[in-house]
Amino acid sequence: MKRTIACLALAGFVAVTSGCATVRIEGATGDTTTLINSEKEAPKVVSFKTWYIFWGLRPRGDYSIAQEIRTAGFKRVRIEVREGVDDWLLSFLAIAPIIPFSRTVYLYGE
């Protein structure tokens, strides 16, 4: 019985800490947006969530970083993809392949 519980706990840990959620970072055609150094502070922040199923293999929707940058009006931008506490808690539910989980994308710009 202890071995079964240990195996289930290990499987749960592996499922929560692994995954391959990919966020494609791209610029719009003809856009002159440049990247900001990570040490430079940016005055404006935009954030949004990206959702995935099948352990990150399949995005739920079409997330365009270029569209978000254009909408925010940034000419210089820094992009960070993070897994917040809420994203991490959702990963526990994503042990089943069809349950979605998320990552949070932050755009810092001027």
PDB file of N, CA and C in Angstrom:
ATOM      1  N   MET A   1       0.822  -1.193   0.000  1.00  0.00           N
ATOM      2  CA  MET A   1       0.000   0.000   0.000  1.00  0.00           C
ATOM      3  C   MET A   1       0.870   1.262   0.000  1.00  0.00           C
ATOM      4  N   LYS A   2       1.929   1.257   0.805  1.00  0.00           N
ATOM      5  CA  LYS A   2       2.816   2.418   0.857  1.00  0.00           C
ATOM      6  C   LYS A   2       3.503   2.633  -0.483  1.00  0.00           C
ATOM      7  N   ARG A   3       3.838   1.545  -1.151  1.00  0.00           N
ATOM      8  CA  ARG A   3       4.497   1.662  -2.450  1.00  0.00           C
ATOM      9  C   ARG A   3       3.550   2.278  -3.487  1.00  0.00           C
ATOM     10  N   THR A   4       2.294   1.908  -3.461  1.00  0.00           N
ATOM     11  CA  THR A   4       1.307   2.455  -4.384  1.00  0.00           C
ATOM     12  C   THR A   4       1.132   3.957  -4.160  1.00  0.00           C
ATOM     13  N   ILE A   5       1.041   4.346  -2.907  1.00  0.00           N
ATOM     14  CA  ILE A   5       0.891   5.766  -2.585  1.00  0.00           C
ATOM     15  C   ILE A   5       2.137   6.539  -3.015  1.00  0.00           C
ATOM     16  N   ALA A   6       3.314   5.977  -2.781  1.00  0.00           N
ATOM     17  CA  ALA A   6       4.558   6.627  -3.186  1.00  0.00           C
ATOM     18  C   ALA A   6       4.630   6.763  -4.702  1.00  0.00           C
ATOM     19  N   CYS A   7       4.223   5.742  -5.431  1.00  0.00           N
ATOM     20  CA  CYS A   7       4.226   5.795  -6.899  1.00  0.00           C
ATOM     21  C   CYS A   7       3.239   6.851  -7.413  1.00  0.00           C
ATOM     22  N   LEU A   8       2.062   6.920  -6.807  1.00  0.00           N
ATOM     23  CA  LEU A   8       1.080   7.928  -7.204  1.00  0.00           C
ATOM     24  C   LEU A   8       1.581   9.338  -6.892  1.00  0.00           C
ATOM     25  N   ALA A   9       2.215   9.509  -5.745  1.00  0.00           N
ATOM     26  CA  ALA A   9       2.760  10.819  -5.390  1.00  0.00           C
ATOM     27  C   ALA A   9       3.873  11.216  -6.360  1.00  0.00           C
ATOM     28  N   LEU A  10       4.731  10.271  -6.715  1.00  0.00           N
ATOM     29  CA  LEU A  10       5.802  10.548  -7.660  1.00  0.00           C
ATOM     30  C   LEU A  10       5.237  10.890  -9.043  1.00  0.00           C
ATOM     31  N   ALA A  11       4.235  10.149  -9.484  1.00  0.00           N
ATOM     32  CA  ALA A  11       3.608  10.416 -10.776  1.00  0.00           C
ATOM     33  C   ALA A  11       2.949  11.799 -10.779  1.00  0.00           C
ATOM     34  N   GLY A  12       2.296  12.163  -9.678  1.00  0.00           N
ATOM     35  CA  GLY A  12       1.693  13.494  -9.571  1.00  0.00           C
ATOM     36  C   GLY A  12       2.734  14.596  -9.607  1.00  0.00           C
ATOM     37  N   PHE A  13       3.852  14.382  -8.917  1.00  0.00           N
ATOM     38  CA  PHE A  13       4.933  15.368  -8.902  1.00  0.00           C
ATOM     39  C   PHE A  13       5.511  15.560 -10.303  1.00  0.00           C
ATOM     40  N   VAL A  14       5.749  14.460 -11.008  1.00  0.00           N
ATOM     41  CA  VAL A  14       6.297  14.531 -12.364  1.00  0.00           C
ATOM     42  C   VAL A  14       5.312  15.236 -13.295  1.00  0.00           C
ATOM     43  N   ALA A  15       4.022  14.939 -13.163  1.00  0.00           N
ATOM     44  CA  ALA A  15       3.016  15.557 -14.023  1.00  0.00           C
ATOM     45  C   ALA A  15       2.932  17.063 -13.788  1.00  0.00           C
ATOM     46  N   VAL A  16       3.080  17.489 -12.543  1.00  0.00           N
ATOM     47  CA  VAL A  16       2.963  18.912 -12.224  1.00  0.00           C
ATOM     48  C   VAL A  16       4.208  19.686 -12.632  1.00  0.00           C
ATOM     49  N   THR A  17       5.362  19.080 -12.491  1.00  0.00           N
ATOM     50  CA  THR A  17       6.605  19.812 -12.758  1.00  0.00           C
ATOM     51  C   THR A  17       7.107  19.659 -14.177  1.00  0.00           C
ATOM     52  N   SER A  18       6.422  18.911 -15.003  1.00  0.00           N
ATOM     53  CA  SER A  18       6.859  18.766 -16.385  1.00  0.00           C
ATOM     54  C   SER A  18       5.786  19.313 -17.321  1.00  0.00           C
ATOM     55  N   GLY A  19       6.143  19.468 -18.535  1.00  0.00           N
ATOM     56  CA  GLY A  19       5.232  20.002 -19.541  1.00  0.00           C
ATOM     57  C   GLY A  19       6.035  20.811 -20.542  1.00  0.00           C
ATOM     58  N   CYS A  20       5.440  21.099 -21.656  1.00  0.00           N
ATOM     59  CA  CYS A  20       6.193  21.816 -22.684  1.00  0.00           C
ATOM     60  C   CYS A  20       5.357  22.935 -23.269  1.00  0.00           C
ATOM     61  N   ALA A  21       4.807  23.768 -22.411  1.00  0.00           N
ATOM     62  CA  ALA A  21       4.004  24.885 -22.877  1.00  0.00           C
ATOM     63  C   ALA A  21       4.897  25.897 -23.584  1.00  0.00           C
ATOM     64  N   THR A  22       4.685  26.101 -24.866  1.00  0.00           N
ATOM     65  CA  THR A  22       5.508  26.982 -25.675  1.00  0.00           C
ATOM     66  C   THR A  22       4.743  28.253 -26.000  1.00  0.00           C
ATOM     67  N   VAL A  23       5.389  29.380 -25.777  1.00  0.00           N
ATOM     68  CA  VAL A  23       4.830  30.669 -26.177  1.00  0.00           C
ATOM     69  C   VAL A  23       5.685  31.183 -27.323  1.00  0.00           C
ATOM     70  N   ARG A  24       5.077  31.363 -28.483  1.00  0.00           N
ATOM     71  CA  ARG A  24       5.806  31.837 -29.656  1.00  0.00           C
ATOM     72  C   ARG A  24       5.898  33.359 -29.596  1.00  0.00           C
ATOM     73  N   ILE A  25       7.117  33.865 -29.625  1.00  0.00           N
ATOM     74  CA  ILE A  25       7.350  35.302 -29.580  1.00  0.00           C
ATOM     75  C   ILE A  25       7.735  35.749 -30.976  1.00  0.00           C
ATOM     76  N   GLU A  26       6.914  36.635 -31.535  1.00  0.00           N
ATOM     77  CA  GLU A  26       7.136  37.082 -32.905  1.00  0.00           C
ATOM     78  C   GLU A  26       6.729  38.534 -33.043  1.00  0.00           C
ATOM     79  N   GLY A  27       7.285  39.178 -34.014  1.00  0.00           N
ATOM     80  CA  GLY A  27       6.922  40.559 -34.309  1.00  0.00           C
ATOM     81  C   GLY A  27       6.041  40.609 -35.536  1.00  0.00           C
ATOM     82  N   ALA A  28       5.320  41.691 -35.650  1.00  0.00           N
ATOM     83  CA  ALA A  28       4.455  41.868 -36.819  1.00  0.00           C
ATOM     84  C   ALA A  28       5.299  42.205 -38.043  1.00  0.00           C
ATOM     85  N   THR A  29       4.827  41.846 -39.213  1.00  0.00           N
ATOM     86  CA  THR A  29       5.535  42.132 -40.458  1.00  0.00           C
ATOM     87  C   THR A  29       5.660  43.641 -40.643  1.00  0.00           C
ATOM     88  N   GLY A  30       6.883  44.090 -40.884  1.00  0.00           N
ATOM     89  CA  GLY A  30       7.130  45.511 -41.089  1.00  0.00           C
ATOM     90  C   GLY A  30       7.156  46.332 -39.816  1.00  0.00           C
ATOM     91  N   ASP A  31       7.034  45.705 -38.656  1.00  0.00           N
ATOM     92  CA  ASP A  31       7.021  46.411 -37.378  1.00  0.00           C
ATOM     93  C   ASP A  31       8.451  46.716 -36.941  1.00  0.00           C
ATOM     94  N   THR A  32       8.658  47.861 -36.322  1.00  0.00           N
ATOM     95  CA  THR A  32      10.000  48.253 -35.885  1.00  0.00           C
ATOM     96  C   THR A  32      10.161  48.138 -34.371  1.00  0.00           C
ATOM     97  N   THR A  33       9.420  47.281 -33.737  1.00  0.00           N
ATOM     98  CA  THR A  33       9.519  47.088 -32.297  1.00  0.00           C
ATOM     99  C   THR A  33      10.861  46.451 -31.955  1.00  0.00           C
ATOM    100  N   THR A  34      11.495  46.963 -30.903  1.00  0.00           N
ATOM    101  CA  THR A  34      12.782  46.416 -30.458  1.00  0.00           C
ATOM    102  C   THR A  34      12.654  45.877 -29.047  1.00  0.00           C
ATOM    103  N   LEU A  35      13.623  45.069 -28.651  1.00  0.00           N
ATOM    104  CA  LEU A  35      13.621  44.469 -27.317  1.00  0.00           C
ATOM    105  C   LEU A  35      14.325  45.368 -26.313  1.00  0.00           C
ATOM    106  N   ILE A  36      13.821  45.365 -25.082  1.00  0.00           N
ATOM    107  CA  ILE A  36      14.413  46.122 -23.987  1.00  0.00           C
ATOM    108  C   ILE A  36      15.318  45.192 -23.195  1.00  0.00           C
ATOM    109  N   ASN A  37      16.435  45.708 -22.754  1.00  0.00           N
ATOM    110  CA  ASN A  37      17.348  44.973 -21.883  1.00  0.00           C
ATOM    111  C   ASN A  37      16.617  44.594 -20.594  1.00  0.00           C
ATOM    112  N   SER A  38      16.908  43.422 -20.050  1.00  0.00           N
ATOM    113  CA  SER A  38      16.214  42.955 -18.855  1.00  0.00           C
ATOM    114  C   SER A  38      16.516  43.795 -17.620  1.00  0.00           C
ATOM    115  N   GLU A  39      17.597  44.575 -17.644  1.00  0.00           N
ATOM    116  CA  GLU A  39      17.943  45.419 -16.498  1.00  0.00           C
ATOM    117  C   GLU A  39      17.208  46.753 -16.519  1.00  0.00           C
ATOM    118  N   LYS A  40      16.682  47.135 -17.669  1.00  0.00           N
ATOM    119  CA  LYS A  40      16.001  48.427 -17.797  1.00  0.00           C
ATOM    120  C   LYS A  40      14.548  48.301 -17.343  1.00  0.00           C
ATOM    121  N   GLU A  41      14.123  49.258 -16.549  1.00  0.00           N
ATOM    122  CA  GLU A  41      12.738  49.299 -16.104  1.00  0.00           C
ATOM    123  C   GLU A  41      11.836  49.779 -17.233  1.00  0.00           C
ATOM    124  N   ALA A  42      10.692  49.180 -17.345  1.00  0.00           N
ATOM    125  CA  ALA A  42       9.715  49.598 -18.357  1.00  0.00           C
ATOM    126  C   ALA A  42       8.476  50.113 -17.625  1.00  0.00           C
ATOM    127  N   PRO A  43       7.950  51.250 -18.028  1.00  0.00           N
ATOM    128  CA  PRO A  43       6.869  51.882 -17.269  1.00  0.00           C
ATOM    129  C   PRO A  43       5.504  51.214 -17.402  1.00  0.00           C
ATOM    130  N   LYS A  44       5.264  50.479 -18.459  1.00  0.00           N
ATOM    131  CA  LYS A  44       3.928  49.945 -18.717  1.00  0.00           C
ATOM    132  C   LYS A  44       3.964  48.417 -18.759  1.00  0.00           C
ATOM    133  N   VAL A  45       2.952  47.785 -18.158  1.00  0.00           N
ATOM    134  CA  VAL A  45       2.898  46.327 -18.116  1.00  0.00           C
ATOM    135  C   VAL A  45       1.535  45.853 -18.611  1.00  0.00           C
ATOM    136  N   VAL A  46       1.562  44.873 -19.500  1.00  0.00           N
ATOM    137  CA  VAL A  46       0.354  44.203 -19.971  1.00  0.00           C
ATOM    138  C   VAL A  46       0.555  42.726 -19.687  1.00  0.00           C
ATOM    139  N   SER A  47      -0.462  42.067 -19.154  1.00  0.00           N
ATOM    140  CA  SER A  47      -0.328  40.631 -18.903  1.00  0.00           C
ATOM    141  C   SER A  47      -1.567  39.897 -19.413  1.00  0.00           C
ATOM    142  N   PHE A  48      -1.352  38.661 -19.800  1.00  0.00           N
ATOM    143  CA  PHE A  48      -2.452  37.810 -20.228  1.00  0.00           C
ATOM    144  C   PHE A  48      -2.045  36.360 -20.018  1.00  0.00           C
ATOM    145  N   LYS A  49      -3.022  35.481 -20.011  1.00  0.00           N
ATOM    146  CA  LYS A  49      -2.771  34.056 -19.803  1.00  0.00           C
ATOM    147  C   LYS A  49      -2.849  33.317 -21.129  1.00  0.00           C
ATOM    148  N   THR A  50      -2.002  32.320 -21.276  1.00  0.00           N
ATOM    149  CA  THR A  50      -2.081  31.387 -22.390  1.00  0.00           C
ATOM    150  C   THR A  50      -2.503  30.043 -21.825  1.00  0.00           C
ATOM    151  N   TRP A  51      -3.399  29.368 -22.496  1.00  0.00           N
ATOM    152  CA  TRP A  51      -3.963  28.111 -22.007  1.00  0.00           C
ATOM    153  C   TRP A  51      -3.547  26.958 -22.903  1.00  0.00           C
ATOM    154  N   TYR A  52      -3.332  25.798 -22.298  1.00  0.00           N
ATOM    155  CA  TYR A  52      -2.851  24.609 -23.002  1.00  0.00           C
ATOM    156  C   TYR A  52      -3.590  23.373 -22.513  1.00  0.00           C
ATOM    157  N   ILE A  53      -3.650  22.353 -23.384  1.00  0.00           N
ATOM    158  CA  ILE A  53      -4.131  21.026 -23.003  1.00  0.00           C
ATOM    159  C   ILE A  53      -3.083  20.008 -23.445  1.00  0.00           C
ATOM    160  N   PHE A  54      -3.292  18.774 -23.086  1.00  0.00           N
ATOM    161  CA  PHE A  54      -2.368  17.683 -23.401  1.00  0.00           C
ATOM    162  C   PHE A  54      -0.946  18.016 -22.933  1.00  0.00           C
ATOM    163  N   TRP A  55      -0.845  18.444 -21.670  1.00  0.00           N
ATOM    164  CA  TRP A  55       0.428  18.731 -20.997  1.00  0.00           C
ATOM    165  C   TRP A  55       1.262  19.770 -21.728  1.00  0.00           C
ATOM    166  N   GLY A  56       0.619  20.692 -22.393  1.00  0.00           N
ATOM    167  CA  GLY A  56       1.323  21.770 -23.075  1.00  0.00           C
ATOM    168  C   GLY A  56       1.593  21.529 -24.540  1.00  0.00           C
ATOM    169  N   LEU A  57       1.193  20.393 -25.047  1.00  0.00           N
ATOM    170  CA  LEU A  57       1.445  20.096 -26.455  1.00  0.00           C
ATOM    171  C   LEU A  57       0.511  20.851 -27.391  1.00  0.00           C
ATOM    172  N   ARG A  58      -0.659  21.213 -26.896  1.00  0.00           N
ATOM    173  CA  ARG A  58      -1.665  21.842 -27.747  1.00  0.00           C
ATOM    174  C   ARG A  58      -2.179  23.122 -27.095  1.00  0.00           C
ATOM    175  N   PRO A  59      -1.925  24.294 -27.705  1.00  0.00           N
ATOM    176  CA  PRO A  59      -2.484  25.529 -27.133  1.00  0.00           C
ATOM    177  C   PRO A  59      -3.991  25.603 -27.346  1.00  0.00           C
ATOM    178  N   ARG A  60      -4.680  26.220 -26.394  1.00  0.00           N
ATOM    179  CA  ARG A  60      -6.124  26.448 -26.508  1.00  0.00           C
ATOM    180  C   ARG A  60      -6.319  27.863 -27.043  1.00  0.00           C
ATOM    181  N   GLY A  61      -6.342  28.009 -28.320  1.00  0.00           N
ATOM    182  CA  GLY A  61      -6.492  29.322 -28.935  1.00  0.00           C
ATOM    183  C   GLY A  61      -5.225  29.732 -29.660  1.00  0.00           C
ATOM    184  N   ASP A  62      -5.308  30.859 -30.335  1.00  0.00           N
ATOM    185  CA  ASP A  62      -4.173  31.388 -31.087  1.00  0.00           C
ATOM    186  C   ASP A  62      -3.680  32.637 -30.374  1.00  0.00           C
ATOM    187  N   TYR A  63      -2.569  32.512 -29.661  1.00  0.00           N
ATOM    188  CA  TYR A  63      -2.023  33.632 -28.911  1.00  0.00           C
ATOM    189  C   TYR A  63      -0.948  34.305 -29.745  1.00  0.00           C
ATOM    190  N   SER A  64      -1.188  35.528 -30.110  1.00  0.00           N
ATOM    191  CA  SER A  64      -0.238  36.268 -30.921  1.00  0.00           C
ATOM    192  C   SER A  64       0.402  37.361 -30.072  1.00  0.00           C
ATOM    193  N   ILE A  65       1.670  37.190 -29.760  1.00  0.00           N
ATOM    194  CA  ILE A  65       2.395  38.214 -29.024  1.00  0.00           C
ATOM    195  C   ILE A  65       2.453  39.489 -29.855  1.00  0.00           C
ATOM    196  N   ALA A  66       2.622  39.348 -31.172  1.00  0.00           N
ATOM    197  CA  ALA A  66       2.688  40.514 -32.052  1.00  0.00           C
ATOM    198  C   ALA A  66       1.406  41.344 -31.955  1.00  0.00           C
ATOM    199  N   GLN A  67       0.267  40.695 -31.916  1.00  0.00           N
ATOM    200  CA  GLN A  67      -1.010  41.400 -31.811  1.00  0.00           C
ATOM    201  C   GLN A  67      -1.120  42.127 -30.473  1.00  0.00           C
ATOM    202  N   GLU A  68      -0.686  41.486 -29.393  1.00  0.00           N
ATOM    203  CA  GLU A  68      -0.735  42.118 -28.074  1.00  0.00           C
ATOM    204  C   GLU A  68       0.190  43.331 -28.011  1.00  0.00           C
ATOM    205  N   ILE A  69       1.375  43.230 -28.611  1.00  0.00           N
ATOM    206  CA  ILE A  69       2.319  44.358 -28.644  1.00  0.00           C
ATOM    207  C   ILE A  69       1.729  45.509 -29.443  1.00  0.00           C
ATOM    208  N   ARG A  70       1.134  45.193 -30.586  1.00  0.00           N
ATOM    209  CA  ARG A  70       0.516  46.216 -31.427  1.00  0.00           C
ATOM    210  C   ARG A  70      -0.649  46.881 -30.703  1.00  0.00           C
ATOM    211  N   THR A  71      -1.477  46.098 -30.020  1.00  0.00           N
ATOM    212  CA  THR A  71      -2.620  46.641 -29.291  1.00  0.00           C
ATOM    213  C   THR A  71      -2.163  47.574 -28.168  1.00  0.00           C
ATOM    214  N   ALA A  72      -1.091  47.191 -27.461  1.00  0.00           N
ATOM    215  CA  ALA A  72      -0.584  48.014 -26.363  1.00  0.00           C
ATOM    216  C   ALA A  72       0.164  49.245 -26.873  1.00  0.00           C
ATOM    217  N   GLY A  73       0.589  49.244 -28.137  1.00  0.00           N
ATOM    218  CA  GLY A  73       1.288  50.382 -28.716  1.00  0.00           C
ATOM    219  C   GLY A  73       2.750  50.478 -28.330  1.00  0.00           C
ATOM    220  N   PHE A  74       3.361  49.352 -27.967  1.00  0.00           N
ATOM    221  CA  PHE A  74       4.768  49.356 -27.564  1.00  0.00           C
ATOM    222  C   PHE A  74       5.694  49.500 -28.770  1.00  0.00           C
ATOM    223  N   LYS A  75       6.740  50.299 -28.616  1.00  0.00           N
ATOM    224  CA  LYS A  75       7.806  50.390 -29.611  1.00  0.00           C
ATOM    225  C   LYS A  75       9.060  49.678 -29.104  1.00  0.00           C
ATOM    226  N   ARG A  76       9.170  49.570 -27.798  1.00  0.00           N
ATOM    227  CA  ARG A  76      10.260  48.808 -27.161  1.00  0.00           C
ATOM    228  C   ARG A  76       9.605  47.905 -26.130  1.00  0.00           C
ATOM    229  N   VAL A  77       9.981  46.633 -26.092  1.00  0.00           N
ATOM    230  CA  VAL A  77       9.254  45.677 -25.261  1.00  0.00           C
ATOM    231  C   VAL A  77      10.192  44.617 -24.673  1.00  0.00           C
ATOM    232  N   ARG A  78       9.844  44.134 -23.499  1.00  0.00           N
ATOM    233  CA  ARG A  78      10.478  42.965 -22.892  1.00  0.00           C
ATOM    234  C   ARG A  78       9.360  41.981 -22.577  1.00  0.00           C
ATOM    235  N   ILE A  79       9.581  40.703 -22.890  1.00  0.00           N
ATOM    236  CA  ILE A  79       8.556  39.682 -22.736  1.00  0.00           C
ATOM    237  C   ILE A  79       9.032  38.655 -21.719  1.00  0.00           C
ATOM    238  N   GLU A  80       8.185  38.353 -20.740  1.00  0.00           N
ATOM    239  CA  GLU A  80       8.490  37.329 -19.745  1.00  0.00           C
ATOM    240  C   GLU A  80       7.322  36.355 -19.669  1.00  0.00           C
ATOM    241  N   VAL A  81       7.637  35.081 -19.610  1.00  0.00           N
ATOM    242  CA  VAL A  81       6.627  34.049 -19.432  1.00  0.00           C
ATOM    243  C   VAL A  81       6.875  33.439 -18.068  1.00  0.00           C
ATOM    244  N   ARG A  82       5.863  33.487 -17.221  1.00  0.00           N
ATOM    245  CA  ARG A  82       6.009  33.004 -15.849  1.00  0.00           C
ATOM    246  C   ARG A  82       4.923  32.003 -15.513  1.00  0.00           C
ATOM    247  N   GLU A  83       5.237  31.209 -14.517  1.00  0.00           N
ATOM    248  CA  GLU A  83       4.247  30.304 -13.953  1.00  0.00           C
ATOM    249  C   GLU A  83       3.968  30.789 -12.547  1.00  0.00           C
ATOM    250  N   GLY A  84       2.846  31.480 -12.387  1.00  0.00           N
ATOM    251  CA  GLY A  84       2.466  32.011 -11.081  1.00  0.00           C
ATOM    252  C   GLY A  84       1.863  30.928 -10.201  1.00  0.00           C
ATOM    253  N   VAL A  85       1.503  31.321  -8.996  1.00  0.00           N
ATOM    254  CA  VAL A  85       0.918  30.380  -8.047  1.00  0.00           C
ATOM    255  C   VAL A  85      -0.380  29.811  -8.610  1.00  0.00           C
ATOM    256  N   ASP A  86      -1.203  30.654  -9.215  1.00  0.00           N
ATOM    257  CA  ASP A  86      -2.456  30.164  -9.787  1.00  0.00           C
ATOM    258  C   ASP A  86      -2.205  29.192 -10.934  1.00  0.00           C
ATOM    259  N   ASP A  87      -1.187  29.472 -11.755  1.00  0.00           N
ATOM    260  CA  ASP A  87      -0.844  28.557 -12.847  1.00  0.00           C
ATOM    261  C   ASP A  87      -0.345  27.224 -12.286  1.00  0.00           C
ATOM    262  N   TRP A  88       0.451  27.300 -11.245  1.00  0.00           N
ATOM    263  CA  TRP A  88       1.009  26.091 -10.635  1.00  0.00           C
ATOM    264  C   TRP A  88      -0.097  25.237 -10.025  1.00  0.00           C
ATOM    265  N   LEU A  89      -1.066  25.879  -9.372  1.00  0.00           N
ATOM    266  CA  LEU A  89      -2.180  25.127  -8.791  1.00  0.00           C
ATOM    267  C   LEU A  89      -3.023  24.464  -9.884  1.00  0.00           C
ATOM    268  N   LEU A  90      -3.205  25.149 -11.014  1.00  0.00           N
ATOM    269  CA  LEU A  90      -3.949  24.543 -12.122  1.00  0.00           C
ATOM    270  C   LEU A  90      -3.209  23.342 -12.699  1.00  0.00           C
ATOM    271  N   SER A  91      -1.890  23.327 -12.587  1.00  0.00           N
ATOM    272  CA  SER A  91      -1.110  22.203 -13.096  1.00  0.00           C
ATOM    273  C   SER A  91      -1.442  20.912 -12.356  1.00  0.00           C
ATOM    274  N   PHE A  92      -1.840  21.024 -11.090  1.00  0.00           N
ATOM    275  CA  PHE A  92      -2.237  19.832 -10.352  1.00  0.00           C
ATOM    276  C   PHE A  92      -3.443  19.163 -11.000  1.00  0.00           C
ATOM    277  N   LEU A  93      -4.367  19.975 -11.516  1.00  0.00           N
ATOM    278  CA  LEU A  93      -5.547  19.420 -12.168  1.00  0.00           C
ATOM    279  C   LEU A  93      -5.249  18.887 -13.557  1.00  0.00           C
ATOM    280  N   ALA A  94      -4.140  19.327 -14.146  1.00  0.00           N
ATOM    281  CA  ALA A  94      -3.808  18.959 -15.523  1.00  0.00           C
ATOM    282  C   ALA A  94      -3.157  17.586 -15.627  1.00  0.00           C
ATOM    283  N   ILE A  95      -3.296  16.764 -14.608  1.00  0.00           N
ATOM    284  CA  ILE A  95      -2.790  15.397 -14.699  1.00  0.00           C
ATOM    285  C   ILE A  95      -3.548  14.660 -15.805  1.00  0.00           C
ATOM    286  N   ALA A  96      -4.845  14.931 -15.931  1.00  0.00           N
ATOM    287  CA  ALA A  96      -5.619  14.388 -17.047  1.00  0.00           C
ATOM    288  C   ALA A  96      -5.314  15.244 -18.279  1.00  0.00           C
ATOM    289  N   PRO A  97      -5.105  14.635 -19.439  1.00  0.00           N
ATOM    290  CA  PRO A  97      -4.641  15.393 -20.617  1.00  0.00           C
ATOM    291  C   PRO A  97      -5.605  16.440 -21.150  1.00  0.00           C
ATOM    292  N   ILE A  98      -6.898  16.313 -20.904  1.00  0.00           N
ATOM    293  CA  ILE A  98      -7.849  17.268 -21.497  1.00  0.00           C
ATOM    294  C   ILE A  98      -8.156  18.445 -20.569  1.00  0.00           C
ATOM    295  N   ILE A  99      -7.615  18.447 -19.357  1.00  0.00           N
ATOM    296  CA  ILE A  99      -7.842  19.561 -18.440  1.00  0.00           C
ATOM    297  C   ILE A  99      -6.829  20.657 -18.762  1.00  0.00           C
ATOM    298  N   PRO A 100      -7.290  21.877 -19.040  1.00  0.00           N
ATOM    299  CA  PRO A 100      -6.355  22.942 -19.430  1.00  0.00           C
ATOM    300  C   PRO A 100      -5.549  23.483 -18.250  1.00  0.00           C
ATOM    301  N   PHE A 101      -4.360  23.972 -18.558  1.00  0.00           N
ATOM    302  CA  PHE A 101      -3.555  24.703 -17.589  1.00  0.00           C
ATOM    303  C   PHE A 101      -2.993  25.935 -18.276  1.00  0.00           C
ATOM    304  N   SER A 102      -2.395  26.834 -17.504  1.00  0.00           N
ATOM    305  CA  SER A 102      -2.030  28.132 -18.066  1.00  0.00           C
ATOM    306  C   SER A 102      -0.606  28.546 -17.721  1.00  0.00           C
ATOM    307  N   ARG A 103      -0.145  29.546 -18.458  1.00  0.00           N
ATOM    308  CA  ARG A 103       1.079  30.282 -18.186  1.00  0.00           C
ATOM    309  C   ARG A 103       0.721  31.763 -18.324  1.00  0.00           C
ATOM    310  N   THR A 104       1.388  32.616 -17.575  1.00  0.00           N
ATOM    311  CA  THR A 104       1.122  34.043 -17.631  1.00  0.00           C
ATOM    312  C   THR A 104       2.230  34.738 -18.399  1.00  0.00           C
ATOM    313  N   VAL A 105       1.860  35.544 -19.401  1.00  0.00           N
ATOM    314  CA  VAL A 105       2.815  36.275 -20.232  1.00  0.00           C
ATOM    315  C   VAL A 105       2.739  37.748 -19.822  1.00  0.00           C
ATOM    316  N   TYR A 106       3.894  38.326 -19.504  1.00  0.00           N
ATOM    317  CA  TYR A 106       3.978  39.742 -19.150  1.00  0.00           C
ATOM    318  C   TYR A 106       4.727  40.477 -20.246  1.00  0.00           C
ATOM    319  N   LEU A 107       4.164  41.579 -20.709  1.00  0.00           N
ATOM    320  CA  LEU A 107       4.801  42.456 -21.679  1.00  0.00           C
ATOM    321  C   LEU A 107       5.133  43.766 -20.971  1.00  0.00           C
ATOM    322  N   TYR A 108       6.407  44.091 -20.874  1.00  0.00           N
ATOM    323  CA  TYR A 108       6.858  45.354 -20.301  1.00  0.00           C
ATOM    324  C   TYR A 108       7.295  46.223 -21.472  1.00  0.00           C
ATOM    325  N   GLY A 109       6.802  47.438 -21.551  1.00  0.00           N
ATOM    326  CA  GLY A 109       7.167  48.250 -22.706  1.00  0.00           C
ATOM    327  C   GLY A 109       7.030  49.736 -22.494  1.00  0.00           C
ATOM    328  N   GLU A 110       7.432  50.419 -23.524  1.00  0.00           N
ATOM    329  CA  GLU A 110       7.318  51.878 -23.547  1.00  0.00           C
ATOM    330  C   GLU A 110       6.988  52.333 -24.953  1.00  0.00           C
TER     331      GLU A 110
END
